[in-house]
N, C-alpha and C. Protein backbone atom coordinates (compact mmCIF):
# COMPACT_ATOMS: atom_id res chain seq x y z
N UNK A 1 3.57 -1.17 63.07
CA UNK A 1 4.23 -2.23 63.79
C UNK A 1 5.63 -2.46 63.24
N UNK A 2 5.82 -2.29 61.96
CA UNK A 2 7.13 -2.50 61.35
C UNK A 2 8.11 -1.43 61.84
N UNK A 3 7.68 -0.18 61.90
CA UNK A 3 8.55 0.89 62.37
C UNK A 3 8.95 0.64 63.82
N UNK A 4 8.00 0.19 64.65
CA UNK A 4 8.30 -0.09 66.04
C UNK A 4 9.34 -1.18 66.16
N UNK A 5 9.24 -2.20 65.33
CA UNK A 5 10.18 -3.31 65.35
C UNK A 5 11.58 -2.82 64.97
N UNK A 6 11.68 -1.95 64.00
CA UNK A 6 12.97 -1.41 63.59
C UNK A 6 13.59 -0.59 64.72
N UNK A 7 12.79 0.21 65.41
CA UNK A 7 13.30 1.00 66.51
C UNK A 7 13.81 0.11 67.65
N UNK A 8 13.14 -0.98 67.90
CA UNK A 8 13.59 -1.88 68.96
C UNK A 8 14.91 -2.55 68.63
N UNK A 9 15.17 -2.74 67.34
CA UNK A 9 16.39 -3.43 66.93
C UNK A 9 17.58 -2.49 66.73
N UNK A 10 17.40 -1.21 67.02
CA UNK A 10 18.50 -0.27 66.84
C UNK A 10 19.57 -0.52 67.89
N UNK A 11 20.80 -0.51 67.47
CA UNK A 11 21.90 -0.75 68.41
C UNK A 11 22.58 0.57 68.75
N UNK A 12 23.31 0.63 69.86
CA UNK A 12 23.99 1.86 70.25
C UNK A 12 25.02 2.34 69.23
N UNK A 13 25.45 1.46 68.35
CA UNK A 13 26.45 1.87 67.36
C UNK A 13 25.84 2.71 66.26
N UNK A 14 24.53 2.89 66.27
CA UNK A 14 23.88 3.69 65.24
C UNK A 14 23.78 5.16 65.61
N UNK A 15 24.40 5.56 66.70
CA UNK A 15 24.41 6.97 67.08
C UNK A 15 25.13 7.75 65.99
N UNK A 16 24.76 9.01 65.86
CA UNK A 16 25.39 9.86 64.85
C UNK A 16 26.72 10.39 65.38
N UNK A 17 27.75 10.27 64.57
CA UNK A 17 29.07 10.76 64.94
C UNK A 17 29.45 11.91 64.03
N UNK A 18 30.33 12.73 64.51
CA UNK A 18 30.71 13.94 63.79
C UNK A 18 31.51 13.62 62.54
N UNK A 19 31.20 14.35 61.49
CA UNK A 19 31.98 14.24 60.26
C UNK A 19 33.25 15.08 60.34
N UNK A 20 33.42 15.82 61.44
CA UNK A 20 34.59 16.67 61.63
C UNK A 20 35.67 16.00 62.49
N UNK A 21 35.53 14.70 62.76
CA UNK A 21 36.52 14.00 63.58
C UNK A 21 37.91 14.01 62.98
N UNK A 22 38.01 14.04 61.68
CA UNK A 22 39.31 14.00 61.02
C UNK A 22 39.87 15.39 60.72
N UNK A 23 39.12 16.44 61.04
CA UNK A 23 39.58 17.80 60.78
C UNK A 23 40.60 18.18 61.84
N UNK A 24 41.75 18.68 61.40
CA UNK A 24 42.79 19.09 62.34
C UNK A 24 42.51 20.51 62.80
N UNK A 25 42.63 20.71 64.10
CA UNK A 25 42.44 22.04 64.67
C UNK A 25 43.18 22.11 65.99
N UNK A 26 43.25 23.30 66.53
CA UNK A 26 43.85 23.49 67.85
C UNK A 26 43.02 22.72 68.87
N UNK A 27 43.67 22.21 69.92
CA UNK A 27 42.99 21.39 70.93
C UNK A 27 43.24 21.98 72.31
N UNK A 28 42.19 21.98 73.14
CA UNK A 28 42.31 22.37 74.55
C UNK A 28 41.53 21.35 75.37
N UNK A 29 42.16 20.76 76.35
CA UNK A 29 41.52 19.75 77.22
C UNK A 29 40.97 18.58 76.42
N UNK A 30 41.65 18.22 75.36
CA UNK A 30 41.24 17.11 74.49
C UNK A 30 39.98 17.44 73.69
N UNK A 31 39.66 18.72 73.57
CA UNK A 31 38.50 19.18 72.80
C UNK A 31 39.01 20.01 71.62
N UNK A 32 38.63 19.66 70.40
CA UNK A 32 39.07 20.46 69.26
C UNK A 32 38.35 21.81 69.26
N UNK A 33 39.09 22.85 69.02
CA UNK A 33 38.52 24.19 68.93
C UNK A 33 38.21 24.44 67.45
N UNK A 34 37.19 23.76 66.98
CA UNK A 34 36.83 23.79 65.56
C UNK A 34 36.29 25.16 65.16
N UNK A 35 36.60 25.59 63.94
CA UNK A 35 36.04 26.85 63.46
C UNK A 35 34.55 26.67 63.15
N UNK A 36 33.79 27.74 63.30
CA UNK A 36 32.36 27.73 62.98
C UNK A 36 31.97 29.13 62.54
N UNK A 37 30.94 29.19 61.71
CA UNK A 37 30.47 30.47 61.21
C UNK A 37 29.63 31.16 62.27
N UNK A 38 29.61 32.48 62.24
CA UNK A 38 28.80 33.22 63.21
C UNK A 38 27.95 34.27 62.51
N UNK A 39 26.76 34.48 63.08
CA UNK A 39 25.90 35.60 62.70
C UNK A 39 25.47 35.71 61.26
N UNK A 40 25.32 34.61 60.54
CA UNK A 40 24.91 34.70 59.14
C UNK A 40 23.85 33.64 58.85
N UNK A 41 23.16 33.83 57.75
CA UNK A 41 22.23 32.80 57.29
C UNK A 41 23.07 31.67 56.68
N UNK A 42 22.58 30.46 56.83
CA UNK A 42 23.36 29.32 56.38
C UNK A 42 22.61 28.56 55.30
N UNK A 43 23.37 28.01 54.36
CA UNK A 43 22.79 27.14 53.34
C UNK A 43 23.65 25.89 53.26
N UNK A 44 23.06 24.81 52.79
CA UNK A 44 23.82 23.56 52.68
C UNK A 44 24.81 23.70 51.53
N UNK A 45 26.10 23.51 51.80
CA UNK A 45 27.11 23.65 50.75
C UNK A 45 27.11 22.47 49.80
N UNK A 46 27.64 22.69 48.63
CA UNK A 46 27.83 21.61 47.67
C UNK A 46 28.96 20.74 48.18
N UNK A 47 28.87 19.44 47.93
CA UNK A 47 29.98 18.58 48.31
C UNK A 47 29.57 17.46 49.24
N UNK A 48 30.59 16.85 49.83
CA UNK A 48 30.42 15.64 50.62
C UNK A 48 29.73 15.87 51.96
N UNK A 49 30.09 16.95 52.67
CA UNK A 49 29.57 17.20 54.01
C UNK A 49 28.34 18.11 53.95
N UNK A 50 27.16 17.64 54.39
CA UNK A 50 25.97 18.47 54.32
C UNK A 50 25.90 19.52 55.42
N UNK A 51 26.87 19.52 56.35
CA UNK A 51 26.85 20.47 57.46
C UNK A 51 27.90 21.54 57.24
N UNK A 52 27.53 22.78 57.51
CA UNK A 52 28.47 23.88 57.39
C UNK A 52 29.55 23.80 58.45
N UNK A 53 29.16 23.44 59.66
CA UNK A 53 30.11 23.42 60.77
C UNK A 53 29.57 22.53 61.88
N UNK A 54 30.30 22.45 62.99
CA UNK A 54 29.94 21.57 64.10
C UNK A 54 28.63 22.00 64.75
N UNK A 55 28.31 23.28 64.73
CA UNK A 55 27.06 23.77 65.32
C UNK A 55 25.87 23.23 64.53
N UNK A 56 25.92 23.33 63.21
CA UNK A 56 24.86 22.77 62.37
C UNK A 56 24.71 21.27 62.62
N UNK A 57 25.84 20.61 62.71
CA UNK A 57 25.83 19.17 62.91
C UNK A 57 25.22 18.79 64.25
N UNK A 58 25.56 19.51 65.30
CA UNK A 58 25.01 19.23 66.64
C UNK A 58 23.49 19.43 66.65
N UNK A 59 23.02 20.49 66.02
CA UNK A 59 21.58 20.75 65.97
C UNK A 59 20.88 19.66 65.15
N UNK A 60 21.49 19.29 64.03
CA UNK A 60 20.89 18.29 63.16
C UNK A 60 20.86 16.90 63.81
N UNK A 61 21.91 16.54 64.53
CA UNK A 61 22.00 15.20 65.12
C UNK A 61 21.36 15.10 66.50
N UNK A 62 20.98 16.22 67.11
CA UNK A 62 20.47 16.21 68.47
C UNK A 62 19.32 15.21 68.66
N UNK A 63 18.31 15.28 67.82
CA UNK A 63 17.12 14.45 68.03
C UNK A 63 17.41 12.96 67.84
N UNK A 64 18.43 12.61 67.10
CA UNK A 64 18.81 11.21 66.94
C UNK A 64 19.66 10.74 68.13
N UNK A 65 20.56 11.58 68.58
CA UNK A 65 21.51 11.17 69.62
C UNK A 65 20.96 11.26 71.03
N UNK A 66 19.96 12.07 71.26
CA UNK A 66 19.48 12.30 72.63
C UNK A 66 18.92 11.03 73.27
N UNK A 67 18.57 10.06 72.50
CA UNK A 67 18.01 8.82 73.03
C UNK A 67 19.05 7.88 73.63
N UNK A 68 20.32 8.14 73.40
CA UNK A 68 21.37 7.22 73.83
C UNK A 68 21.83 7.50 75.26
N UNK A 69 21.97 6.44 76.02
CA UNK A 69 22.53 6.56 77.37
C UNK A 69 24.04 6.39 77.34
N UNK A 70 24.53 5.72 76.32
CA UNK A 70 25.97 5.53 76.12
C UNK A 70 26.30 6.06 74.73
N UNK A 71 27.45 6.69 74.62
CA UNK A 71 27.87 7.24 73.34
C UNK A 71 29.36 6.98 73.19
N UNK A 72 29.70 6.28 72.15
CA UNK A 72 31.10 5.96 71.88
C UNK A 72 31.75 7.15 71.18
N UNK A 73 32.75 7.75 71.81
CA UNK A 73 33.46 8.88 71.24
C UNK A 73 34.51 8.33 70.28
N UNK A 74 34.38 8.69 69.01
CA UNK A 74 35.30 8.18 67.99
C UNK A 74 36.35 9.18 67.56
N UNK A 75 36.28 10.39 68.10
CA UNK A 75 37.25 11.42 67.75
C UNK A 75 36.99 12.68 68.54
N UNK A 76 37.87 13.64 68.36
CA UNK A 76 37.76 14.89 69.11
C UNK A 76 36.46 15.64 68.86
N UNK A 77 36.02 15.66 67.61
CA UNK A 77 34.78 16.40 67.31
C UNK A 77 33.57 15.75 67.97
N UNK A 78 33.64 14.45 68.22
CA UNK A 78 32.55 13.78 68.95
C UNK A 78 32.44 14.31 70.38
N UNK A 79 33.58 14.66 70.98
CA UNK A 79 33.54 15.23 72.33
C UNK A 79 32.77 16.55 72.31
N UNK A 80 33.06 17.36 71.33
CA UNK A 80 32.37 18.64 71.20
C UNK A 80 30.89 18.42 70.86
N UNK A 81 30.60 17.43 70.04
CA UNK A 81 29.21 17.08 69.72
C UNK A 81 28.44 16.66 70.96
N UNK A 82 29.06 15.88 71.84
CA UNK A 82 28.43 15.48 73.10
C UNK A 82 28.16 16.70 73.96
N UNK A 83 29.14 17.59 74.07
CA UNK A 83 28.97 18.81 74.87
C UNK A 83 27.81 19.65 74.32
N UNK A 84 27.80 19.86 73.02
CA UNK A 84 26.73 20.68 72.41
C UNK A 84 25.37 20.01 72.53
N UNK A 85 25.33 18.69 72.48
CA UNK A 85 24.07 17.97 72.66
C UNK A 85 23.51 18.24 74.06
N UNK A 86 24.36 18.19 75.06
CA UNK A 86 23.91 18.51 76.42
C UNK A 86 23.47 19.97 76.52
N UNK A 87 24.19 20.86 75.86
CA UNK A 87 23.81 22.27 75.89
C UNK A 87 22.46 22.49 75.20
N UNK A 88 22.24 21.87 74.06
CA UNK A 88 20.96 22.01 73.34
C UNK A 88 19.83 21.50 74.21
N UNK A 89 20.07 20.41 74.92
CA UNK A 89 19.07 19.88 75.83
C UNK A 89 18.70 20.92 76.90
N UNK A 90 19.69 21.61 77.43
CA UNK A 90 19.44 22.68 78.39
C UNK A 90 18.65 23.83 77.78
N UNK A 91 18.97 24.16 76.52
CA UNK A 91 18.24 25.22 75.82
C UNK A 91 16.76 24.84 75.67
N UNK A 92 16.49 23.58 75.40
CA UNK A 92 15.10 23.15 75.26
C UNK A 92 14.34 23.31 76.58
N UNK A 93 15.00 23.04 77.68
CA UNK A 93 14.34 23.21 78.98
C UNK A 93 14.04 24.69 79.25
N UNK A 94 14.96 25.57 78.85
CA UNK A 94 14.73 27.01 79.00
C UNK A 94 13.58 27.45 78.09
N UNK A 95 13.57 26.98 76.85
CA UNK A 95 12.53 27.36 75.89
C UNK A 95 11.17 26.83 76.29
N UNK A 96 11.15 25.68 76.93
CA UNK A 96 9.88 25.09 77.36
C UNK A 96 9.18 25.97 78.39
N UNK A 97 9.97 26.68 79.21
CA UNK A 97 9.42 27.57 80.24
C UNK A 97 9.08 28.94 79.68
N UNK A 98 9.68 29.31 78.55
CA UNK A 98 9.51 30.64 77.98
C UNK A 98 8.33 30.63 77.02
N UNK A 99 7.39 31.53 77.22
CA UNK A 99 6.20 31.60 76.36
C UNK A 99 6.28 32.73 75.34
N UNK A 100 7.19 33.68 75.53
CA UNK A 100 7.28 34.83 74.63
C UNK A 100 8.33 34.57 73.56
N UNK A 101 7.90 34.44 72.33
CA UNK A 101 8.82 34.11 71.24
C UNK A 101 9.83 35.24 70.99
N UNK A 102 9.45 36.48 71.27
CA UNK A 102 10.37 37.60 71.05
C UNK A 102 11.56 37.56 72.00
N UNK A 103 11.33 37.07 73.19
CA UNK A 103 12.41 37.02 74.18
C UNK A 103 13.16 35.70 74.19
N UNK A 104 12.75 34.75 73.37
CA UNK A 104 13.36 33.43 73.42
C UNK A 104 14.85 33.46 73.10
N UNK A 105 15.22 34.13 72.01
CA UNK A 105 16.64 34.17 71.64
C UNK A 105 17.45 34.84 72.75
N UNK A 106 16.93 35.92 73.31
CA UNK A 106 17.62 36.60 74.40
C UNK A 106 17.79 35.68 75.60
N UNK A 107 16.73 34.95 75.95
CA UNK A 107 16.80 34.01 77.08
C UNK A 107 17.83 32.91 76.83
N UNK A 108 17.84 32.38 75.60
CA UNK A 108 18.80 31.31 75.27
C UNK A 108 20.23 31.83 75.28
N UNK A 109 20.44 33.04 74.78
CA UNK A 109 21.79 33.61 74.79
C UNK A 109 22.23 33.87 76.23
N UNK A 110 21.33 34.36 77.07
CA UNK A 110 21.66 34.54 78.49
C UNK A 110 22.01 33.20 79.13
N UNK A 111 21.24 32.17 78.83
CA UNK A 111 21.53 30.83 79.34
C UNK A 111 22.91 30.35 78.87
N UNK A 112 23.25 30.68 77.62
CA UNK A 112 24.53 30.22 77.07
C UNK A 112 25.72 30.85 77.77
N UNK A 113 25.52 32.00 78.39
CA UNK A 113 26.64 32.72 79.02
C UNK A 113 26.73 32.48 80.53
N UNK A 114 25.82 31.70 81.08
CA UNK A 114 25.85 31.48 82.52
C UNK A 114 26.43 30.12 82.85
N UNK A 115 27.16 30.07 83.93
CA UNK A 115 27.65 28.83 84.51
C UNK A 115 28.40 27.95 83.50
N UNK A 116 29.43 28.52 82.88
CA UNK A 116 30.22 27.77 81.90
C UNK A 116 31.34 27.04 82.63
N UNK A 117 31.15 25.75 82.80
CA UNK A 117 32.13 24.92 83.48
C UNK A 117 33.03 24.26 82.44
N UNK A 118 34.25 23.96 82.87
CA UNK A 118 35.21 23.28 82.00
C UNK A 118 35.69 22.01 82.69
N UNK A 119 36.36 21.13 81.97
CA UNK A 119 36.87 19.90 82.59
C UNK A 119 37.70 20.20 83.83
N UNK A 120 37.42 19.46 84.89
CA UNK A 120 38.11 19.65 86.15
C UNK A 120 37.33 20.49 87.14
N UNK A 121 36.37 21.31 86.65
CA UNK A 121 35.52 22.09 87.54
C UNK A 121 34.53 21.17 88.24
N UNK A 122 34.17 21.52 89.46
CA UNK A 122 33.15 20.75 90.18
C UNK A 122 31.82 20.88 89.42
N UNK A 123 31.19 19.77 89.20
CA UNK A 123 29.89 19.79 88.51
C UNK A 123 29.96 19.69 87.00
N UNK A 124 31.16 19.65 86.42
CA UNK A 124 31.24 19.46 84.97
C UNK A 124 30.88 18.01 84.67
N UNK A 125 29.83 17.76 83.88
CA UNK A 125 29.32 16.40 83.72
C UNK A 125 30.14 15.48 82.82
N UNK A 126 31.09 16.03 82.10
CA UNK A 126 31.83 15.23 81.12
C UNK A 126 33.31 15.09 81.45
N UNK A 127 33.64 15.04 82.74
CA UNK A 127 35.05 14.91 83.13
C UNK A 127 35.66 13.61 82.61
N UNK A 128 34.86 12.58 82.38
CA UNK A 128 35.37 11.33 81.84
C UNK A 128 35.62 11.39 80.34
N UNK A 129 35.10 12.40 79.67
CA UNK A 129 35.23 12.52 78.22
C UNK A 129 36.36 13.48 77.85
N UNK A 130 36.52 14.55 78.64
CA UNK A 130 37.56 15.55 78.39
C UNK A 130 38.70 15.37 79.39
N UNK A 131 39.88 15.85 79.03
CA UNK A 131 41.00 15.87 79.96
C UNK A 131 40.96 17.16 80.76
N UNK A 132 41.51 17.12 81.96
CA UNK A 132 41.65 18.33 82.75
C UNK A 132 42.68 19.24 82.09
N UNK A 133 42.54 20.53 82.29
CA UNK A 133 43.47 21.50 81.70
C UNK A 133 44.86 21.34 82.29
N UNK A 134 45.86 21.48 81.44
CA UNK A 134 47.25 21.37 81.92
C UNK A 134 47.75 22.72 82.45
N UNK A 135 47.02 23.79 82.15
CA UNK A 135 47.42 25.12 82.62
C UNK A 135 46.17 26.01 82.73
N UNK A 136 46.25 27.06 83.53
CA UNK A 136 45.11 27.98 83.61
C UNK A 136 44.79 28.62 82.26
N UNK A 137 45.83 28.86 81.45
CA UNK A 137 45.62 29.46 80.13
C UNK A 137 44.77 28.53 79.25
N UNK A 138 45.07 27.23 79.29
CA UNK A 138 44.30 26.26 78.50
C UNK A 138 42.84 26.21 78.98
N UNK A 139 42.63 26.26 80.30
CA UNK A 139 41.28 26.25 80.85
C UNK A 139 40.48 27.48 80.39
N UNK A 140 41.10 28.65 80.43
CA UNK A 140 40.42 29.87 80.02
C UNK A 140 40.17 29.90 78.50
N UNK A 141 41.09 29.33 77.75
CA UNK A 141 40.91 29.24 76.31
C UNK A 141 39.69 28.37 75.97
N UNK A 142 39.55 27.24 76.66
CA UNK A 142 38.40 26.37 76.44
C UNK A 142 37.12 27.04 76.93
N UNK A 143 37.17 27.72 78.07
CA UNK A 143 35.99 28.40 78.59
C UNK A 143 35.50 29.47 77.60
N UNK A 144 36.44 30.23 77.02
CA UNK A 144 36.08 31.25 76.04
C UNK A 144 35.48 30.61 74.78
N UNK A 145 36.06 29.49 74.35
CA UNK A 145 35.52 28.78 73.19
C UNK A 145 34.11 28.27 73.48
N UNK A 146 33.92 27.63 74.65
CA UNK A 146 32.59 27.13 75.03
C UNK A 146 31.58 28.28 75.07
N UNK A 147 31.98 29.42 75.60
CA UNK A 147 31.06 30.57 75.69
C UNK A 147 30.60 31.00 74.30
N UNK A 148 31.54 31.12 73.38
CA UNK A 148 31.21 31.58 72.03
C UNK A 148 30.39 30.56 71.25
N UNK A 149 30.76 29.29 71.34
CA UNK A 149 30.04 28.28 70.56
C UNK A 149 28.65 28.04 71.15
N UNK A 150 28.51 28.17 72.46
CA UNK A 150 27.19 28.06 73.08
C UNK A 150 26.28 29.20 72.62
N UNK A 151 26.84 30.41 72.57
CA UNK A 151 26.05 31.56 72.13
C UNK A 151 25.58 31.38 70.68
N UNK A 152 26.48 30.93 69.82
CA UNK A 152 26.11 30.72 68.41
C UNK A 152 25.07 29.61 68.28
N UNK A 153 25.22 28.54 69.05
CA UNK A 153 24.25 27.45 69.02
C UNK A 153 22.88 27.95 69.47
N UNK A 154 22.84 28.76 70.52
CA UNK A 154 21.58 29.32 71.02
C UNK A 154 20.91 30.19 69.97
N UNK A 155 21.69 31.00 69.29
CA UNK A 155 21.13 31.89 68.24
C UNK A 155 20.52 31.09 67.08
N UNK A 156 21.19 30.03 66.69
CA UNK A 156 20.68 29.21 65.58
C UNK A 156 19.48 28.35 66.00
N UNK A 157 19.46 27.97 67.26
CA UNK A 157 18.41 27.08 67.75
C UNK A 157 17.09 27.82 67.99
N UNK A 158 17.15 29.05 68.45
CA UNK A 158 15.95 29.80 68.84
C UNK A 158 14.84 29.80 67.79
N UNK A 159 15.12 30.09 66.52
CA UNK A 159 14.02 30.11 65.55
C UNK A 159 13.41 28.73 65.26
N UNK A 160 14.11 27.67 65.62
CA UNK A 160 13.59 26.33 65.38
C UNK A 160 12.59 25.87 66.45
N UNK A 161 12.64 26.50 67.62
CA UNK A 161 11.89 25.99 68.76
C UNK A 161 10.46 26.51 68.90
N UNK A 162 10.19 27.71 68.38
CA UNK A 162 8.85 28.29 68.50
C UNK A 162 8.45 28.93 67.19
N UNK A 163 7.14 28.92 66.93
CA UNK A 163 6.64 29.62 65.75
C UNK A 163 6.52 31.11 66.08
N UNK A 164 6.24 31.92 65.09
CA UNK A 164 6.14 33.36 65.28
C UNK A 164 5.06 33.75 66.29
N UNK A 165 4.03 32.92 66.40
CA UNK A 165 2.95 33.24 67.35
C UNK A 165 3.19 32.61 68.73
N UNK A 166 4.38 32.07 68.98
CA UNK A 166 4.74 31.58 70.31
C UNK A 166 4.39 30.13 70.59
N UNK A 167 3.93 29.39 69.58
CA UNK A 167 3.57 27.99 69.78
C UNK A 167 4.84 27.13 69.71
N UNK A 168 4.97 26.22 70.66
CA UNK A 168 6.12 25.31 70.67
C UNK A 168 6.16 24.46 69.41
N UNK A 169 7.35 24.25 68.88
CA UNK A 169 7.54 23.37 67.74
C UNK A 169 7.44 21.92 68.23
N UNK A 170 6.44 21.22 67.78
CA UNK A 170 6.20 19.86 68.27
C UNK A 170 7.28 18.87 67.81
N UNK A 171 8.14 19.27 66.89
CA UNK A 171 9.23 18.41 66.46
C UNK A 171 10.47 18.58 67.34
N UNK A 172 10.48 19.58 68.21
CA UNK A 172 11.62 19.83 69.07
C UNK A 172 11.30 19.76 70.56
N UNK A 173 10.22 20.38 70.98
CA UNK A 173 9.98 20.56 72.41
C UNK A 173 9.75 19.27 73.21
N UNK A 174 9.25 18.20 72.64
CA UNK A 174 9.14 16.97 73.44
C UNK A 174 10.49 16.45 73.94
N UNK A 175 11.57 16.85 73.29
CA UNK A 175 12.90 16.40 73.69
C UNK A 175 13.43 17.14 74.92
N UNK A 176 12.70 18.14 75.40
CA UNK A 176 13.14 18.90 76.58
C UNK A 176 13.20 18.01 77.82
N UNK A 177 12.40 16.97 77.84
CA UNK A 177 12.36 16.09 79.01
C UNK A 177 13.36 14.93 78.93
N UNK A 178 14.00 14.75 77.79
CA UNK A 178 14.98 13.67 77.62
C UNK A 178 16.33 14.10 78.20
N UNK A 179 17.11 13.13 78.65
CA UNK A 179 18.47 13.40 79.11
C UNK A 179 19.43 12.56 78.27
N UNK A 180 20.35 13.21 77.62
CA UNK A 180 21.38 12.52 76.85
C UNK A 180 22.41 11.97 77.82
N UNK A 181 22.66 10.68 77.76
CA UNK A 181 23.62 9.99 78.63
C UNK A 181 23.29 10.19 80.11
N UNK A 182 22.03 10.47 80.42
CA UNK A 182 21.58 10.75 81.78
C UNK A 182 22.36 11.88 82.45
N UNK A 183 22.73 12.90 81.67
CA UNK A 183 23.50 14.03 82.19
C UNK A 183 22.85 15.34 81.76
N UNK A 184 23.15 16.39 82.50
CA UNK A 184 22.73 17.74 82.13
C UNK A 184 23.90 18.70 82.37
N UNK A 185 23.91 19.79 81.62
CA UNK A 185 24.93 20.83 81.85
C UNK A 185 24.46 21.76 82.94
């Protein structure tokens, strides 16, 4: 009963925000093109930030943030965190339908490369969070960044969602039915 009471008293300001908001990087459509590691095993680094990069942070914060219908963007990295949260939610829906653990990573990577919309495109759910591109070059730069970061997120997420024998991870799969901010990618 005490835990339930604490959950009821949680305010929207308790959403997790990115620790990379103050990191300077190139920007496209008001989205920071933050660097992230690719294709390697990751360990928690020594120091202040427990996350290696924005992808680790998005995966780690997903289960806390997915419950919010409103999310206050406090910086550029929060915009990317919101985008990746919606993408992870889509990955969970794909994984929920997939029963073969061997093909899961392939399915998620295929999902990551399909229908990549950018701000200003019809159907892009976060037009209120991102700015429209000022040039076609900026739009394509952001589309390429989204494609790569989605692929890396899918690769890191796949082993977390199913066990080796194909059983859904009960700590992740129930979130497939949740909608962050009532939106989907």
